Amino acid sequence: MASKAYGFSKERGEGLSRLLDASATLGQSNRGKMFPAARIAIARAPSGGIAARSGTTPGSATCGLYELSSGSLVDSGITETVYNVFSSAIANNAYVIIAQDYIGGDWYVISEDCV
């Protein structure tokens, strides 16, 4: 029988490695969990907003990450590419909640202010 070899991109290989590391640390009380807790953040869409998904291609934009300081949202000085998988665009300068994909490390909009 012939052997088969499979290749992964560096990013997917690193994601699989993190997944395997996380699964190795799952205890009895965590049975059934696949991933550790999600990383979430507050981001602000740029002045052009974030485009809606087109077919299977998410919209994306470089967004500033914000943190709460003395009761106010302040720019952390960190920017990230944020993907929008929703069928509606994100408004200009809107604050959104984003979550990081554990395997690939990308950031995705998971909530926008409903107005």
PDB file of N, CA and C in Angstrom:
ATOM      1  N   MET A   1       0.837  -1.173   0.000  1.00  0.00           N
ATOM      2  CA  MET A   1       0.000   0.000   0.000  1.00  0.00           C
ATOM      3  C   MET A   1       0.886   1.242   0.000  1.00  0.00           C
ATOM      4  N   ALA A   2       0.550   2.187  -0.841  1.00  0.00           N
ATOM      5  CA  ALA A   2       1.333   3.418  -0.958  1.00  0.00           C
ATOM      6  C   ALA A   2       1.067   4.349   0.218  1.00  0.00           C
ATOM      7  N   SER A   3       2.104   5.061   0.651  1.00  0.00           N
ATOM      8  CA  SER A   3       1.960   6.047   1.717  1.00  0.00           C
ATOM      9  C   SER A   3       1.421   7.337   1.139  1.00  0.00           C
ATOM     10  N   LYS A   4       0.726   8.091   1.975  1.00  0.00           N
ATOM     11  CA  LYS A   4       0.216   9.392   1.560  1.00  0.00           C
ATOM     12  C   LYS A   4       0.854  10.457   2.431  1.00  0.00           C
ATOM     13  N   ALA A   5       1.178  11.579   1.829  1.00  0.00           N
ATOM     14  CA  ALA A   5       1.731  12.713   2.568  1.00  0.00           C
ATOM     15  C   ALA A   5       0.784  13.893   2.395  1.00  0.00           C
ATOM     16  N   TYR A   6       0.576  14.650   3.477  1.00  0.00           N
ATOM     17  CA  TYR A   6      -0.297  15.803   3.438  1.00  0.00           C
ATOM     18  C   TYR A   6       0.478  17.030   3.878  1.00  0.00           C
ATOM     19  N   GLY A   7       0.222  18.163   3.237  1.00  0.00           N
ATOM     20  CA  GLY A   7       0.895  19.402   3.599  1.00  0.00           C
ATOM     21  C   GLY A   7      -0.094  20.438   4.083  1.00  0.00           C
ATOM     22  N   PHE A   8       0.380  21.341   4.922  1.00  0.00           N
ATOM     23  CA  PHE A   8      -0.433  22.432   5.428  1.00  0.00           C
ATOM     24  C   PHE A   8       0.332  23.725   5.258  1.00  0.00           C
ATOM     25  N   SER A   9      -0.420  24.822   5.110  1.00  0.00           N
ATOM     26  CA  SER A   9       0.243  26.126   5.130  1.00  0.00           C
ATOM     27  C   SER A   9       0.801  26.338   6.534  1.00  0.00           C
ATOM     28  N   LYS A  10       1.752  27.241   6.660  1.00  0.00           N
ATOM     29  CA  LYS A  10       2.338  27.532   7.969  1.00  0.00           C
ATOM     30  C   LYS A  10       1.259  27.951   8.963  1.00  0.00           C
ATOM     31  N   GLU A  11       0.325  28.827   8.523  1.00  0.00           N
ATOM     32  CA  GLU A  11      -0.725  29.323   9.407  1.00  0.00           C
ATOM     33  C   GLU A  11      -1.637  28.189   9.863  1.00  0.00           C
ATOM     34  N   ARG A  12      -2.047  27.306   8.949  1.00  0.00           N
ATOM     35  CA  ARG A  12      -2.927  26.188   9.310  1.00  0.00           C
ATOM     36  C   ARG A  12      -2.183  25.196  10.201  1.00  0.00           C
ATOM     37  N   GLY A  13      -0.901  24.992   9.929  1.00  0.00           N
ATOM     38  CA  GLY A  13      -0.105  24.100  10.769  1.00  0.00           C
ATOM     39  C   GLY A  13      -0.009  24.618  12.195  1.00  0.00           C
ATOM     40  N   GLU A  14       0.202  25.949  12.330  1.00  0.00           N
ATOM     41  CA  GLU A  14       0.268  26.551  13.664  1.00  0.00           C
ATOM     42  C   GLU A  14      -1.081  26.444  14.362  1.00  0.00           C
ATOM     43  N   GLY A  15      -2.177  26.644  13.610  1.00  0.00           N
ATOM     44  CA  GLY A  15      -3.509  26.520  14.184  1.00  0.00           C
ATOM     45  C   GLY A  15      -3.788  25.104  14.655  1.00  0.00           C
ATOM     46  N   LEU A  16      -3.400  24.131  13.847  1.00  0.00           N
ATOM     47  CA  LEU A  16      -3.586  22.736  14.245  1.00  0.00           C
ATOM     48  C   LEU A  16      -2.746  22.405  15.469  1.00  0.00           C
ATOM     49  N   SER A  17      -1.559  22.963  15.536  1.00  0.00           N
ATOM     50  CA  SER A  17      -0.700  22.740  16.696  1.00  0.00           C
ATOM     51  C   SER A  17      -1.345  23.300  17.964  1.00  0.00           C
ATOM     52  N   ARG A  18      -1.936  24.528  17.871  1.00  0.00           N
ATOM     53  CA  ARG A  18      -2.628  25.107  19.026  1.00  0.00           C
ATOM     54  C   ARG A  18      -3.821  24.251  19.427  1.00  0.00           C
ATOM     55  N   LEU A  19      -4.543  23.749  18.437  1.00  0.00           N
ATOM     56  CA  LEU A  19      -5.699  22.890  18.712  1.00  0.00           C
ATOM     57  C   LEU A  19      -5.269  21.619  19.432  1.00  0.00           C
ATOM     58  N   LEU A  20      -4.193  21.000  18.979  1.00  0.00           N
ATOM     59  CA  LEU A  20      -3.696  19.792  19.630  1.00  0.00           C
ATOM     60  C   LEU A  20      -3.204  20.082  21.037  1.00  0.00           C
ATOM     61  N   ASP A  21      -2.512  21.211  21.221  1.00  0.00           N
ATOM     62  CA  ASP A  21      -2.060  21.591  22.561  1.00  0.00           C
ATOM     63  C   ASP A  21      -3.246  21.780  23.499  1.00  0.00           C
ATOM     64  N   ALA A  22      -4.304  22.444  23.007  1.00  0.00           N
ATOM     65  CA  ALA A  22      -5.487  22.684  23.837  1.00  0.00           C
ATOM     66  C   ALA A  22      -6.181  21.376  24.178  1.00  0.00           C
ATOM     67  N   SER A  23      -6.281  20.469  23.211  1.00  0.00           N
ATOM     68  CA  SER A  23      -6.972  19.206  23.471  1.00  0.00           C
ATOM     69  C   SER A  23      -6.192  18.339  24.450  1.00  0.00           C
ATOM     70  N   ALA A  24      -4.877  18.482  24.488  1.00  0.00           N
ATOM     71  CA  ALA A  24      -4.056  17.692  25.402  1.00  0.00           C
ATOM     72  C   ALA A  24      -4.261  18.126  26.846  1.00  0.00           C
ATOM     73  N   THR A  25      -4.727  19.360  27.050  1.00  0.00           N
ATOM     74  CA  THR A  25      -4.897  19.874  28.413  1.00  0.00           C
ATOM     75  C   THR A  25      -6.331  19.768  28.910  1.00  0.00           C
ATOM     76  N   LEU A  26      -7.220  19.204  28.117  1.00  0.00           N
ATOM     77  CA  LEU A  26      -8.606  19.093  28.553  1.00  0.00           C
ATOM     78  C   LEU A  26      -8.722  18.077  29.680  1.00  0.00           C
ATOM     79  N   GLY A  27      -9.303  18.515  30.776  1.00  0.00           N
ATOM     80  CA  GLY A  27      -9.487  17.621  31.921  1.00  0.00           C
ATOM     81  C   GLY A  27     -10.844  16.959  31.889  1.00  0.00           C
ATOM     82  N   GLN A  28     -11.087  16.125  32.878  1.00  0.00           N
ATOM     83  CA  GLN A  28     -12.345  15.402  32.982  1.00  0.00           C
ATOM     84  C   GLN A  28     -13.532  16.370  33.004  1.00  0.00           C
ATOM     85  N   SER A  29     -13.400  17.488  33.744  1.00  0.00           N
ATOM     86  CA  SER A  29     -14.505  18.437  33.859  1.00  0.00           C
ATOM     87  C   SER A  29     -14.743  19.214  32.567  1.00  0.00           C
ATOM     88  N   ASN A  30     -13.792  19.184  31.651  1.00  0.00           N
ATOM     89  CA  ASN A  30     -13.928  19.912  30.385  1.00  0.00           C
ATOM     90  C   ASN A  30     -14.285  19.002  29.223  1.00  0.00           C
ATOM     91  N   ARG A  31     -14.652  17.774  29.504  1.00  0.00           N
ATOM     92  CA  ARG A  31     -14.953  16.820  28.437  1.00  0.00           C
ATOM     93  C   ARG A  31     -15.981  17.412  27.479  1.00  0.00           C
ATOM     94  N   GLY A  32     -15.741  17.280  26.206  1.00  0.00           N
ATOM     95  CA  GLY A  32     -16.640  17.788  25.175  1.00  0.00           C
ATOM     96  C   GLY A  32     -16.237  19.152  24.639  1.00  0.00           C
ATOM     97  N   LYS A  33     -15.387  19.891  25.345  1.00  0.00           N
ATOM     98  CA  LYS A  33     -14.927  21.174  24.844  1.00  0.00           C
ATOM     99  C   LYS A  33     -13.863  20.934  23.789  1.00  0.00           C
ATOM    100  N   MET A  34     -13.922  21.730  22.715  1.00  0.00           N
ATOM    101  CA  MET A  34     -12.893  21.612  21.687  1.00  0.00           C
ATOM    102  C   MET A  34     -11.888  22.742  21.753  1.00  0.00           C
ATOM    103  N   PHE A  35     -12.319  23.904  22.198  1.00  0.00           N
ATOM    104  CA  PHE A  35     -11.468  25.075  22.136  1.00  0.00           C
ATOM    105  C   PHE A  35     -11.472  25.788  23.482  1.00  0.00           C
ATOM    106  N   PRO A  36     -10.413  26.514  23.786  1.00  0.00           N
ATOM    107  CA  PRO A  36     -10.422  27.337  24.994  1.00  0.00           C
ATOM    108  C   PRO A  36     -11.364  28.522  24.794  1.00  0.00           C
ATOM    109  N   ALA A  37     -11.554  29.313  25.824  1.00  0.00           N
ATOM    110  CA  ALA A  37     -12.438  30.470  25.742  1.00  0.00           C
ATOM    111  C   ALA A  37     -12.018  31.390  24.602  1.00  0.00           C
ATOM    112  N   ALA A  38     -13.010  31.990  23.952  1.00  0.00           N
ATOM    113  CA  ALA A  38     -12.753  32.890  22.828  1.00  0.00           C
ATOM    114  C   ALA A  38     -12.100  34.181  23.318  1.00  0.00           C
ATOM    115  N   ARG A  39     -11.272  34.740  22.483  1.00  0.00           N
ATOM    116  CA  ARG A  39     -10.714  36.072  22.745  1.00  0.00           C
ATOM    117  C   ARG A  39     -11.640  37.069  22.070  1.00  0.00           C
ATOM    118  N   ILE A  40     -12.110  38.050  22.821  1.00  0.00           N
ATOM    119  CA  ILE A  40     -12.972  39.075  22.246  1.00  0.00           C
ATOM    120  C   ILE A  40     -12.359  40.441  22.487  1.00  0.00           C
ATOM    121  N   ALA A  41     -12.789  41.399  21.686  1.00  0.00           N
ATOM    122  CA  ALA A  41     -12.271  42.761  21.808  1.00  0.00           C
ATOM    123  C   ALA A  41     -13.321  43.726  21.271  1.00  0.00           C
ATOM    124  N   ILE A  42     -13.107  44.991  21.534  1.00  0.00           N
ATOM    125  CA  ILE A  42     -13.935  46.061  20.984  1.00  0.00           C
ATOM    126  C   ILE A  42     -13.123  46.717  19.874  1.00  0.00           C
ATOM    127  N   ALA A  43     -13.751  46.891  18.725  1.00  0.00           N
ATOM    128  CA  ALA A  43     -13.070  47.540  17.601  1.00  0.00           C
ATOM    129  C   ALA A  43     -13.952  48.664  17.075  1.00  0.00           C
ATOM    130  N   ARG A  44     -13.327  49.589  16.384  1.00  0.00           N
ATOM    131  CA  ARG A  44     -14.070  50.664  15.730  1.00  0.00           C
ATOM    132  C   ARG A  44     -13.792  50.591  14.241  1.00  0.00           C
ATOM    133  N   ALA A  45     -14.876  50.500  13.469  1.00  0.00           N
ATOM    134  CA  ALA A  45     -14.737  50.450  12.016  1.00  0.00           C
ATOM    135  C   ALA A  45     -14.130  51.754  11.514  1.00  0.00           C
ATOM    136  N   PRO A  46     -13.393  51.708  10.415  1.00  0.00           N
ATOM    137  CA  PRO A  46     -12.820  52.942   9.862  1.00  0.00           C
ATOM    138  C   PRO A  46     -13.907  53.821   9.247  1.00  0.00           C
ATOM    139  N   SER A  47     -13.514  54.983   8.767  1.00  0.00           N
ATOM    140  CA  SER A  47     -14.489  55.919   8.196  1.00  0.00           C
ATOM    141  C   SER A  47     -15.223  55.339   6.990  1.00  0.00           C
ATOM    142  N   GLY A  48     -14.658  54.344   6.339  1.00  0.00           N
ATOM    143  CA  GLY A  48     -15.334  53.700   5.209  1.00  0.00           C
ATOM    144  C   GLY A  48     -16.177  52.508   5.608  1.00  0.00           C
ATOM    145  N   GLY A  49     -16.242  52.192   6.922  1.00  0.00           N
ATOM    146  CA  GLY A  49     -17.002  51.040   7.388  1.00  0.00           C
ATOM    147  C   GLY A  49     -16.318  49.729   7.016  1.00  0.00           C
ATOM    148  N   ILE A  50     -17.057  48.641   7.158  1.00  0.00           N
ATOM    149  CA  ILE A  50     -16.566  47.319   6.752  1.00  0.00           C
ATOM    150  C   ILE A  50     -17.592  46.743   5.789  1.00  0.00           C
ATOM    151  N   ALA A  51     -17.160  46.412   4.596  1.00  0.00           N
ATOM    152  CA  ALA A  51     -18.065  45.903   3.564  1.00  0.00           C
ATOM    153  C   ALA A  51     -18.763  44.623   4.019  1.00  0.00           C
ATOM    154  N   ALA A  52     -19.931  44.382   3.448  1.00  0.00           N
ATOM    155  CA  ALA A  52     -20.669  43.144   3.692  1.00  0.00           C
ATOM    156  C   ALA A  52     -19.987  41.986   2.969  1.00  0.00           C
ATOM    157  N   ARG A  53     -20.308  40.775   3.381  1.00  0.00           N
ATOM    158  CA  ARG A  53     -19.834  39.574   2.692  1.00  0.00           C
ATOM    159  C   ARG A  53     -20.412  39.569   1.287  1.00  0.00           C
ATOM    160  N   SER A  54     -19.608  39.146   0.312  1.00  0.00           N
ATOM    161  CA  SER A  54     -20.054  38.991  -1.070  1.00  0.00           C
ATOM    162  C   SER A  54     -19.894  37.523  -1.441  1.00  0.00           C
ATOM    163  N   GLY A  55     -20.997  36.800  -1.500  1.00  0.00           N
ATOM    164  CA  GLY A  55     -20.915  35.357  -1.733  1.00  0.00           C
ATOM    165  C   GLY A  55     -20.218  34.690  -0.564  1.00  0.00           C
ATOM    166  N   THR A  56     -19.090  34.056  -0.842  1.00  0.00           N
ATOM    167  CA  THR A  56     -18.329  33.405   0.235  1.00  0.00           C
ATOM    168  C   THR A  56     -17.120  34.227   0.669  1.00  0.00           C
ATOM    169  N   THR A  57     -17.026  35.466   0.166  1.00  0.00           N
ATOM    170  CA  THR A  57     -15.891  36.319   0.507  1.00  0.00           C
ATOM    171  C   THR A  57     -16.305  37.360   1.544  1.00  0.00           C
ATOM    172  N   PRO A  58     -15.743  37.266   2.775  1.00  0.00           N
ATOM    173  CA  PRO A  58     -16.094  38.258   3.787  1.00  0.00           C
ATOM    174  C   PRO A  58     -15.549  39.632   3.426  1.00  0.00           C
ATOM    175  N   GLY A  59     -16.257  40.672   3.850  1.00  0.00           N
ATOM    176  CA  GLY A  59     -15.720  42.022   3.749  1.00  0.00           C
ATOM    177  C   GLY A  59     -14.638  42.168   4.807  1.00  0.00           C
ATOM    178  N   SER A  60     -13.767  43.136   4.658  1.00  0.00           N
ATOM    179  CA  SER A  60     -12.724  43.333   5.665  1.00  0.00           C
ATOM    180  C   SER A  60     -12.276  44.785   5.674  1.00  0.00           C
ATOM    181  N   ALA A  61     -11.688  45.169   6.799  1.00  0.00           N
ATOM    182  CA  ALA A  61     -11.121  46.514   6.946  1.00  0.00           C
ATOM    183  C   ALA A  61     -10.138  46.487   8.107  1.00  0.00           C
ATOM    184  N   THR A  62      -9.212  47.425   8.094  1.00  0.00           N
ATOM    185  CA  THR A  62      -8.301  47.588   9.217  1.00  0.00           C
ATOM    186  C   THR A  62      -9.000  48.454  10.258  1.00  0.00           C
ATOM    187  N   CYS A  63      -9.149  47.896  11.458  1.00  0.00           N
ATOM    188  CA  CYS A  63      -9.889  48.576  12.521  1.00  0.00           C
ATOM    189  C   CYS A  63      -8.996  48.821  13.721  1.00  0.00           C
ATOM    190  N   GLY A  64      -9.273  49.900  14.433  1.00  0.00           N
ATOM    191  CA  GLY A  64      -8.582  50.182  15.681  1.00  0.00           C
ATOM    192  C   GLY A  64      -9.239  49.413  16.816  1.00  0.00           C
ATOM    193  N   LEU A  65      -8.423  48.868  17.724  1.00  0.00           N
ATOM    194  CA  LEU A  65      -8.948  48.180  18.896  1.00  0.00           C
ATOM    195  C   LEU A  65      -9.056  49.176  20.043  1.00  0.00           C
ATOM    196  N   TYR A  66     -10.117  49.047  20.809  1.00  0.00           N
ATOM    197  CA  TYR A  66     -10.396  49.971  21.904  1.00  0.00           C
ATOM    198  C   TYR A  66     -10.433  49.218  23.224  1.00  0.00           C
ATOM    199  N   GLU A  67     -10.182  49.966  24.300  1.00  0.00           N
ATOM    200  CA  GLU A  67     -10.264  49.391  25.634  1.00  0.00           C
ATOM    201  C   GLU A  67     -11.020  50.358  26.529  1.00  0.00           C
ATOM    202  N   LEU A  68     -11.544  49.831  27.627  1.00  0.00           N
ATOM    203  CA  LEU A  68     -12.275  50.651  28.578  1.00  0.00           C
ATOM    204  C   LEU A  68     -11.294  51.212  29.598  1.00  0.00           C
ATOM    205  N   SER A  69     -11.276  52.529  29.726  1.00  0.00           N
ATOM    206  CA  SER A  69     -10.387  53.188  30.672  1.00  0.00           C
ATOM    207  C   SER A  69     -11.172  54.269  31.399  1.00  0.00           C
ATOM    208  N   SER A  70     -11.264  54.147  32.700  1.00  0.00           N
ATOM    209  CA  SER A  70     -12.016  55.110  33.523  1.00  0.00           C
ATOM    210  C   SER A  70     -13.430  55.321  32.993  1.00  0.00           C
ATOM    211  N   GLY A  71     -14.038  54.248  32.522  1.00  0.00           N
ATOM    212  CA  GLY A  71     -15.426  54.307  32.067  1.00  0.00           C
ATOM    213  C   GLY A  71     -15.623  54.787  30.645  1.00  0.00           C
ATOM    214  N   SER A  72     -14.543  55.035  29.903  1.00  0.00           N
ATOM    215  CA  SER A  72     -14.655  55.508  28.522  1.00  0.00           C
ATOM    216  C   SER A  72     -13.860  54.601  27.591  1.00  0.00           C
ATOM    217  N   LEU A  73     -14.348  54.476  26.361  1.00  0.00           N
ATOM    218  CA  LEU A  73     -13.607  53.725  25.351  1.00  0.00           C
ATOM    219  C   LEU A  73     -12.462  54.586  24.833  1.00  0.00           C
ATOM    220  N   VAL A  74     -11.248  54.026  24.842  1.00  0.00           N
ATOM    221  CA  VAL A  74     -10.081  54.753  24.340  1.00  0.00           C
ATOM    222  C   VAL A  74      -9.332  53.873  23.341  1.00  0.00           C
ATOM    223  N   ASP A  75      -8.771  54.520  22.347  1.00  0.00           N
ATOM    224  CA  ASP A  75      -8.000  53.823  21.316  1.00  0.00           C
ATOM    225  C   ASP A  75      -6.749  53.218  21.949  1.00  0.00           C
ATOM    226  N   SER A  76      -6.544  51.922  21.741  1.00  0.00           N
ATOM    227  CA  SER A  76      -5.379  51.240  22.315  1.00  0.00           C
ATOM    228  C   SER A  76      -4.121  51.449  21.491  1.00  0.00           C
ATOM    229  N   GLY A  77      -4.281  51.975  20.265  1.00  0.00           N
ATOM    230  CA  GLY A  77      -3.138  52.130  19.368  1.00  0.00           C
ATOM    231  C   GLY A  77      -2.844  50.871  18.570  1.00  0.00           C
ATOM    232  N   ILE A  78      -3.637  49.828  18.778  1.00  0.00           N
ATOM    233  CA  ILE A  78      -3.464  48.556  18.067  1.00  0.00           C
ATOM    234  C   ILE A  78      -4.483  48.490  16.939  1.00  0.00           C
ATOM    235  N   THR A  79      -4.053  48.040  15.767  1.00  0.00           N
ATOM    236  CA  THR A  79      -4.984  47.820  14.658  1.00  0.00           C
ATOM    237  C   THR A  79      -4.936  46.361  14.237  1.00  0.00           C
ATOM    238  N   GLU A  80      -6.057  45.884  13.735  1.00  0.00           N
ATOM    239  CA  GLU A  80      -6.166  44.513  13.241  1.00  0.00           C
ATOM    240  C   GLU A  80      -7.059  44.502  12.005  1.00  0.00           C
ATOM    241  N   THR A  81      -6.821  43.554  11.111  1.00  0.00           N
ATOM    242  CA  THR A  81      -7.743  43.320  10.015  1.00  0.00           C
ATOM    243  C   THR A  81      -8.932  42.574  10.599  1.00  0.00           C
ATOM    244  N   VAL A  82     -10.117  43.096  10.355  1.00  0.00           N
ATOM    245  CA  VAL A  82     -11.347  42.512  10.880  1.00  0.00           C
ATOM    246  C   VAL A  82     -12.218  42.098   9.701  1.00  0.00           C
ATOM    247  N   TYR A  83     -12.756  40.878   9.763  1.00  0.00           N
ATOM    248  CA  TYR A  83     -13.591  40.334   8.697  1.00  0.00           C
ATOM    249  C   TYR A  83     -15.060  40.389   9.089  1.00  0.00           C
ATOM    250  N   ASN A  84     -15.903  40.682   8.103  1.00  0.00           N
ATOM    251  CA  ASN A  84     -17.352  40.756   8.304  1.00  0.00           C
ATOM    252  C   ASN A  84     -18.012  39.669   7.454  1.00  0.00           C
ATOM    253  N   VAL A  85     -18.570  38.651   8.093  1.00  0.00           N
ATOM    254  CA  VAL A  85     -19.227  37.561   7.359  1.00  0.00           C
ATOM    255  C   VAL A  85     -20.731  37.793   7.231  1.00  0.00           C
ATOM    256  N   PHE A  86     -21.221  38.922   7.750  1.00  0.00           N
ATOM    257  CA  PHE A  86     -22.648  39.224   7.662  1.00  0.00           C
ATOM    258  C   PHE A  86     -22.999  39.768   6.279  1.00  0.00           C
ATOM    259  N   SER A  87     -24.281  39.689   5.931  1.00  0.00           N
ATOM    260  CA  SER A  87     -24.735  40.156   4.618  1.00  0.00           C
ATOM    261  C   SER A  87     -24.975  41.666   4.596  1.00  0.00           C
ATOM    262  N   SER A  88     -24.804  42.312   5.741  1.00  0.00           N
ATOM    263  CA  SER A  88     -24.941  43.774   5.827  1.00  0.00           C
ATOM    264  C   SER A  88     -23.591  44.395   6.164  1.00  0.00           C
ATOM    265  N   ALA A  89     -23.338  45.554   5.579  1.00  0.00           N
ATOM    266  CA  ALA A  89     -22.091  46.275   5.858  1.00  0.00           C
ATOM    267  C   ALA A  89     -22.118  46.844   7.269  1.00  0.00           C
ATOM    268  N   ILE A  90     -20.945  47.055   7.830  1.00  0.00           N
ATOM    269  CA  ILE A  90     -20.800  47.707   9.127  1.00  0.00           C
ATOM    270  C   ILE A  90     -20.649  49.203   8.879  1.00  0.00           C
ATOM    271  N   ALA A  91     -21.404  49.995   9.601  1.00  0.00           N
ATOM    272  CA  ALA A  91     -21.439  51.448   9.397  1.00  0.00           C
ATOM    273  C   ALA A  91     -20.087  52.111   9.666  1.00  0.00           C
ATOM    274  N   ASN A  92     -19.902  53.278   9.059  1.00  0.00           N
ATOM    275  CA  ASN A  92     -18.704  54.097   9.278  1.00  0.00           C
ATOM    276  C   ASN A  92     -18.523  54.377  10.765  1.00  0.00           C
ATOM    277  N   ASN A  93     -17.313  54.178  11.262  1.00  0.00           N
ATOM    278  CA  ASN A  93     -16.943  54.501  12.644  1.00  0.00           C
ATOM    279  C   ASN A  93     -17.764  53.782  13.714  1.00  0.00           C
ATOM    280  N   ALA A  94     -18.442  52.703  13.359  1.00  0.00           N
ATOM    281  CA  ALA A  94     -19.257  51.960  14.331  1.00  0.00           C
ATOM    282  C   ALA A  94     -18.363  51.142  15.251  1.00  0.00           C
ATOM    283  N   TYR A  95     -18.755  51.061  16.511  1.00  0.00           N
ATOM    284  CA  TYR A  95     -18.081  50.176  17.451  1.00  0.00           C
ATOM    285  C   TYR A  95     -18.682  48.785  17.295  1.00  0.00           C
ATOM    286  N   VAL A  96     -17.828  47.781  17.274  1.00  0.00           N
ATOM    287  CA  VAL A  96     -18.276  46.395  17.115  1.00  0.00           C
ATOM    288  C   VAL A  96     -17.547  45.517  18.115  1.00  0.00           C
ATOM    289  N   ILE A  97     -18.167  44.398  18.431  1.00  0.00           N
ATOM    290  CA  ILE A  97     -17.509  43.374  19.231  1.00  0.00           C
ATOM    291  C   ILE A  97     -16.928  42.376  18.236  1.00  0.00           C
ATOM    292  N   ILE A  98     -15.655  42.022  18.415  1.00  0.00           N
ATOM    293  CA  ILE A  98     -15.000  41.076  17.521  1.00  0.00           C
ATOM    294  C   ILE A  98     -14.471  39.893  18.338  1.00  0.00           C
ATOM    295  N   ALA A  99     -14.351  38.760  17.671  1.00  0.00           N
ATOM    296  CA  ALA A  99     -13.803  37.561  18.308  1.00  0.00           C
ATOM    297  C   ALA A  99     -12.716  37.000  17.406  1.00  0.00           C
ATOM    298  N   GLN A 100     -11.731  36.371  18.029  1.00  0.00           N
ATOM    299  CA  GLN A 100     -10.619  35.810  17.270  1.00  0.00           C
ATOM    300  C   GLN A 100     -10.852  34.333  17.002  1.00  0.00           C
ATOM    301  N   ASP A 101     -10.695  33.954  15.745  1.00  0.00           N
ATOM    302  CA  ASP A 101     -10.784  32.553  15.328  1.00  0.00           C
ATOM    303  C   ASP A 101      -9.605  31.801  15.930  1.00  0.00           C
ATOM    304  N   TYR A 102      -9.895  30.779  16.712  1.00  0.00           N
ATOM    305  CA  TYR A 102      -8.836  30.068  17.427  1.00  0.00           C
ATOM    306  C   TYR A 102      -7.858  29.368  16.492  1.00  0.00           C
ATOM    307  N   ILE A 103      -8.336  28.790  15.412  1.00  0.00           N
ATOM    308  CA  ILE A 103      -7.459  28.017  14.534  1.00  0.00           C
ATOM    309  C   ILE A 103      -6.623  28.926  13.633  1.00  0.00           C
ATOM    310  N   GLY A 104      -7.268  29.866  12.952  1.00  0.00           N
ATOM    311  CA  GLY A 104      -6.539  30.715  12.010  1.00  0.00           C
ATOM    312  C   GLY A 104      -6.011  32.007  12.590  1.00  0.00           C
ATOM    313  N   GLY A 105      -6.580  32.438  13.728  1.00  0.00           N
ATOM    314  CA  GLY A 105      -6.124  33.672  14.360  1.00  0.00           C
ATOM    315  C   GLY A 105      -6.748  34.945  13.814  1.00  0.00           C
ATOM    316  N   ASP A 106      -7.660  34.817  12.825  1.00  0.00           N
ATOM    317  CA  ASP A 106      -8.298  36.002  12.254  1.00  0.00           C
ATOM    318  C   ASP A 106      -9.361  36.551  13.201  1.00  0.00           C
ATOM    319  N   TRP A 107      -9.654  37.851  13.054  1.00  0.00           N
ATOM    320  CA  TRP A 107     -10.678  38.524  13.859  1.00  0.00           C
ATOM    321  C   TRP A 107     -11.939  38.692  13.029  1.00  0.00           C
ATOM    322  N   TYR A 108     -13.112  38.403  13.631  1.00  0.00           N
ATOM    323  CA  TYR A 108     -14.396  38.477  12.957  1.00  0.00           C
ATOM    324  C   TYR A 108     -15.384  39.320  13.763  1.00  0.00           C
ATOM    325  N   VAL A 109     -16.194  40.127  13.069  1.00  0.00           N
ATOM    326  CA  VAL A 109     -17.267  40.865  13.730  1.00  0.00           C
ATOM    327  C   VAL A 109     -18.293  39.839  14.220  1.00  0.00           C
ATOM    328  N   ILE A 110     -18.654  39.934  15.494  1.00  0.00           N
ATOM    329  CA  ILE A 110     -19.710  39.055  16.005  1.00  0.00           C
ATOM    330  C   ILE A 110     -20.919  39.840  16.475  1.00  0.00           C
ATOM    331  N   SER A 111     -20.786  41.161  16.627  1.00  0.00           N
ATOM    332  CA  SER A 111     -21.922  41.973  17.043  1.00  0.00           C
ATOM    333  C   SER A 111     -21.690  43.425  16.659  1.00  0.00           C
ATOM    334  N   GLU A 112     -22.761  44.054  16.176  1.00  0.00           N
ATOM    335  CA  GLU A 112     -22.721  45.481  15.886  1.00  0.00           C
ATOM    336  C   GLU A 112     -23.915  46.128  16.572  1.00  0.00           C
ATOM    337  N   ASP A 113     -23.772  47.378  16.919  1.00  0.00           N
ATOM    338  CA  ASP A 113     -24.848  48.123  17.544  1.00  0.00           C
ATOM    339  C   ASP A 113     -26.064  48.147  16.612  1.00  0.00           C
ATOM    340  N   CYS A 114     -27.226  47.788  17.137  1.00  0.00           N
ATOM    341  CA  CYS A 114     -28.472  47.819  16.330  1.00  0.00           C
ATOM    342  C   CYS A 114     -29.149  49.148  16.545  1.00  0.00           C
ATOM    343  N   VAL A 115     -29.210  49.947  15.492  1.00  0.00           N
ATOM    344  CA  VAL A 115     -29.868  51.258  15.593  1.00  0.00           C
ATOM    345  C   VAL A 115     -30.952  51.388  14.555  1.00  0.00           C
TER     346      VAL A 115
END
